[in-house]
Amino acid sequence: RYLERVGSHALWFLGFISVLTLSSQSLDAATQIVPEELTQAIVVDDGFGIADAQMKWTAEADERVLLIWATGTLLSTSDLPEGLRMIQEKDDRGLRFQLYAGTAGEYQVNFRYQVEVQTEKSSRIVLPTGFALSHRARIEISDTNIALSSKYAVSVKEVAGASAKKSVFDVIFKPGGQCAFARLPKQRDPSEEQAAFLVE
């Protein structure tokens, strides 16, 4: 009987290891894809940016997408729907959080993260999120004398009159590339200035 118990425990343990191995192999072999849509609302203040983001992704089974790199701090996520789970991976490029779809479906995930402003590079912010086919962001900066520049964007438009205490910009990023922007001092526009003549 002792040998029977030992044998049954050994078989259970081997089965458990086999499941873990198959699961690990499945994750390693999962297809890395780019989600359809990523939208972000980013508020920049006191050397940090806080972003509320939403990712939409039509997945096939055994696919995964990059959520964020660990250069940003993941603060929270919405409840993940059935069939979707988060995994952490680390390689020579660093730690990253990914979403893995065990089953096909249309998924939507909301998440919040924090990222530091790189002040040594013209107050530059590199977004830690992954790529998306459609990537839009509304960026609020607590300074009314600031312009925003990004060589990774298709368009950058200031939202006039959005706030009396902040500068607000709508940005559309290029698909499939790094996403970053820089804060710059706003340049004077002589066309909007009126000449004043003083007579003694």
Protein backbone atom coordinates (compact mmCIF):
# COMPACT_ATOMS: atom_id res chain seq x y z
CA ARG A 1 0.00 0.00 0.00
CA TYR A 2 2.88 2.34 0.76
CA LEU A 3 4.24 1.75 -2.74
CA GLU A 4 0.77 2.37 -4.19
CA ARG A 5 0.50 5.73 -2.35
CA VAL A 6 3.99 6.74 -3.44
CA GLY A 7 3.20 5.73 -6.99
CA SER A 8 -0.06 7.70 -7.07
CA HIS A 9 1.64 10.81 -5.65
CA ALA A 10 4.41 10.52 -8.20
CA LEU A 11 1.91 10.26 -11.04
CA TRP A 12 0.00 13.29 -9.73
CA PHE A 13 3.23 15.31 -9.48
CA LEU A 14 4.31 14.33 -13.01
CA GLY A 15 0.89 15.31 -14.32
CA PHE A 16 1.10 18.68 -12.54
CA ILE A 17 4.57 19.34 -14.00
CA SER A 18 3.30 18.38 -17.45
CA VAL A 19 0.45 20.91 -17.21
CA LEU A 20 2.87 23.65 -16.14
CA THR A 21 5.25 22.75 -18.98
CA LEU A 22 2.48 22.80 -21.57
CA SER A 23 1.20 26.12 -20.20
CA SER A 24 4.70 27.64 -20.34
CA GLN A 25 5.24 26.33 -23.87
CA SER A 26 1.87 27.76 -24.94
CA LEU A 27 2.78 31.21 -23.58
CA ASP A 28 6.20 31.10 -25.23
CA ALA A 29 4.66 30.11 -28.56
CA ALA A 30 1.80 32.62 -28.38
CA THR A 31 1.64 35.01 -31.34
CA GLN A 32 2.63 38.59 -30.52
CA ILE A 33 0.21 40.97 -32.23
CA VAL A 34 -0.64 44.68 -32.32
CA PRO A 35 -4.06 45.71 -30.91
CA GLU A 36 -6.51 47.69 -33.01
CA GLU A 37 -7.02 50.67 -30.70
CA LEU A 38 -5.31 52.43 -27.80
CA THR A 39 -6.60 55.69 -26.32
CA GLN A 40 -5.02 57.59 -23.46
CA ALA A 41 -5.74 60.61 -21.26
CA ILE A 42 -2.44 61.83 -19.81
CA VAL A 43 -2.00 64.52 -17.16
CA VAL A 44 1.55 65.84 -16.72
CA ASP A 45 2.41 67.61 -13.47
CA ASP A 46 5.34 67.81 -11.02
CA GLY A 47 7.72 65.70 -13.08
CA PHE A 48 5.34 62.79 -13.65
CA GLY A 49 2.63 61.80 -16.05
CA ILE A 50 -0.47 59.87 -14.94
CA ALA A 51 -2.30 58.10 -17.75
CA ASP A 52 -5.72 56.47 -17.94
CA ALA A 53 -5.64 54.20 -20.96
CA GLN A 54 -8.01 51.87 -22.78
CA MET A 55 -6.97 49.07 -25.12
CA LYS A 56 -9.32 47.31 -27.55
CA TRP A 57 -8.24 44.05 -29.12
CA THR A 58 -9.97 41.44 -31.29
CA ALA A 59 -8.00 38.32 -30.41
CA GLU A 60 -7.61 34.85 -31.76
CA ALA A 61 -6.82 32.10 -29.29
CA ASP A 62 -3.20 31.91 -28.15
CA GLU A 63 -2.33 35.55 -28.90
CA ARG A 64 -0.75 38.18 -26.69
CA VAL A 65 -0.23 41.94 -26.72
CA LEU A 66 2.14 44.21 -24.86
CA LEU A 67 0.39 46.27 -22.18
CA ILE A 68 3.30 48.32 -20.77
CA TRP A 69 7.03 48.14 -20.21
CA ALA A 70 8.29 48.44 -16.65
CA THR A 71 9.73 51.88 -17.46
CA GLY A 72 6.23 52.91 -16.36
CA THR A 73 4.55 51.93 -13.10
CA LEU A 74 1.32 50.01 -13.59
CA LEU A 75 -1.10 51.37 -10.98
CA SER A 76 -4.31 49.47 -11.72
CA THR A 77 -6.32 47.59 -14.34
CA SER A 78 -9.98 46.83 -14.83
CA ASP A 79 -11.17 43.31 -14.08
CA LEU A 80 -9.88 41.06 -16.85
CA PRO A 81 -12.65 39.23 -18.73
CA GLU A 82 -12.77 35.45 -18.84
CA GLY A 83 -10.27 34.06 -21.31
CA LEU A 84 -7.75 36.87 -20.77
CA ARG A 85 -4.93 37.01 -18.25
CA MET A 86 -1.89 39.13 -17.50
CA ILE A 87 1.62 37.74 -17.59
CA GLN A 88 5.01 39.23 -16.68
CA GLU A 89 8.07 38.58 -18.79
CA LYS A 90 11.68 39.66 -18.51
CA ASP A 91 14.43 39.59 -21.11
CA ASP A 92 17.50 41.65 -22.03
CA ARG A 93 15.21 44.62 -22.74
CA GLY A 94 13.69 44.55 -19.25
CA LEU A 95 10.42 43.61 -17.56
CA ARG A 96 7.09 43.97 -19.37
CA PHE A 97 3.43 43.23 -18.71
CA GLN A 98 1.50 41.42 -21.43
CA LEU A 99 -2.07 40.27 -21.96
CA TYR A 100 -2.55 36.68 -23.07
CA ALA A 101 -5.76 35.49 -24.75
CA GLY A 102 -6.44 31.82 -24.10
CA THR A 103 -9.65 32.04 -26.14
CA ALA A 104 -10.74 34.16 -29.11
CA GLY A 105 -12.87 37.19 -28.42
CA GLU A 106 -13.23 40.96 -28.43
CA TYR A 107 -11.48 42.36 -25.38
CA GLN A 108 -11.38 45.78 -23.76
CA VAL A 109 -9.02 46.58 -20.90
CA ASN A 110 -8.76 49.83 -18.95
CA PHE A 111 -5.55 50.53 -17.05
CA ARG A 112 -3.73 53.34 -15.25
CA TYR A 113 0.00 53.91 -15.07
CA GLN A 114 2.58 56.51 -14.04
CA VAL A 115 5.67 57.55 -15.99
CA GLU A 116 8.51 59.91 -15.13
CA VAL A 117 9.38 63.03 -17.15
CA GLN A 118 12.91 62.92 -18.56
CA THR A 119 13.93 66.48 -17.71
CA GLU A 120 17.38 66.20 -19.24
CA LYS A 121 15.84 65.87 -22.71
CA SER A 122 13.63 68.93 -23.09
CA SER A 123 11.11 67.53 -20.57
CA ARG A 124 10.57 64.44 -22.70
CA ILE A 125 8.12 61.64 -21.88
CA VAL A 126 8.44 58.20 -23.46
CA LEU A 127 5.18 56.31 -23.16
CA PRO A 128 5.73 52.75 -21.86
CA THR A 129 2.70 51.34 -23.67
CA GLY A 130 2.89 49.00 -26.63
CA PHE A 131 2.06 49.77 -30.25
CA ALA A 132 -1.45 50.04 -31.69
CA LEU A 133 -2.93 50.45 -35.15
CA SER A 134 -4.86 53.48 -33.88
CA HIS A 135 -3.23 55.36 -31.01
CA ARG A 136 -4.72 58.63 -29.77
CA ALA A 137 -3.92 60.63 -26.66
CA ARG A 138 -5.24 63.77 -24.96
CA ILE A 139 -2.39 65.34 -23.03
CA GLU A 140 -2.88 67.96 -20.30
CA ILE A 141 0.12 69.92 -19.01
CA SER A 142 -0.09 72.21 -15.99
CA ASP A 143 1.46 75.20 -17.78
CA THR A 144 -0.24 77.59 -20.19
CA ASN A 145 3.06 78.66 -21.82
CA ILE A 146 3.96 75.24 -23.15
CA ALA A 147 4.00 73.78 -26.65
CA LEU A 148 4.13 70.08 -27.42
CA SER A 149 6.31 68.39 -30.04
CA SER A 150 6.55 64.77 -31.20
CA LYS A 151 8.33 63.28 -34.21
CA TYR A 152 6.39 60.07 -33.56
CA ALA A 153 3.00 61.73 -34.15
CA VAL A 154 0.87 62.08 -37.25
CA SER A 155 -0.66 65.23 -35.79
CA VAL A 156 -0.42 67.42 -32.69
CA LYS A 157 -3.21 69.95 -32.11
CA GLU A 158 -3.65 72.28 -29.17
CA VAL A 159 -7.22 72.40 -27.89
CA ALA A 160 -7.93 76.13 -27.68
CA GLY A 161 -9.85 77.33 -24.63
CA ALA A 162 -9.95 73.90 -22.97
CA SER A 163 -8.54 75.18 -19.70
CA ALA A 164 -7.41 78.50 -18.23
CA LYS A 165 -4.70 76.82 -16.13
CA LYS A 166 -3.48 74.04 -18.43
CA SER A 167 -2.31 73.43 -21.97
CA VAL A 168 -4.32 70.65 -23.64
CA PHE A 169 -3.27 68.76 -26.78
CA ASP A 170 -4.82 66.05 -28.95
CA VAL A 171 -2.16 63.75 -30.41
CA ILE A 172 -2.43 60.97 -32.98
CA PHE A 173 0.64 58.73 -32.94
CA LYS A 174 2.03 56.80 -35.90
CA PRO A 175 1.14 53.09 -35.82
CA GLY A 176 3.82 50.53 -34.98
CA GLY A 177 6.46 52.84 -33.54
CA GLN A 178 7.76 54.37 -30.33
CA CYS A 179 5.50 56.97 -28.74
CA ALA A 180 7.07 59.98 -27.06
CA PHE A 181 6.59 63.72 -26.81
CA ALA A 182 8.47 66.74 -25.45
CA ARG A 183 7.35 69.91 -23.70
CA LEU A 184 8.81 73.09 -25.15
CA PRO A 185 8.42 76.77 -24.29
CA LYS A 186 5.67 78.31 -26.40
CA GLN A 187 6.99 80.68 -29.09
CA ARG A 188 5.60 84.18 -29.53
CA ASP A 189 3.22 84.64 -32.45
CA PRO A 190 3.66 88.22 -33.75
CA SER A 191 0.54 87.90 -35.91
CA GLU A 192 -1.59 87.83 -32.77
CA GLU A 193 0.07 90.86 -31.19
CA GLN A 194 -1.18 94.40 -31.57
CA ALA A 195 1.15 97.35 -31.93
CA ALA A 196 0.90 100.02 -29.28
CA PHE A 197 2.17 103.57 -29.88
CA LEU A 198 3.03 105.87 -26.99
CA VAL A 199 2.87 109.62 -27.59
CA GLU A 200 4.54 112.06 -25.21
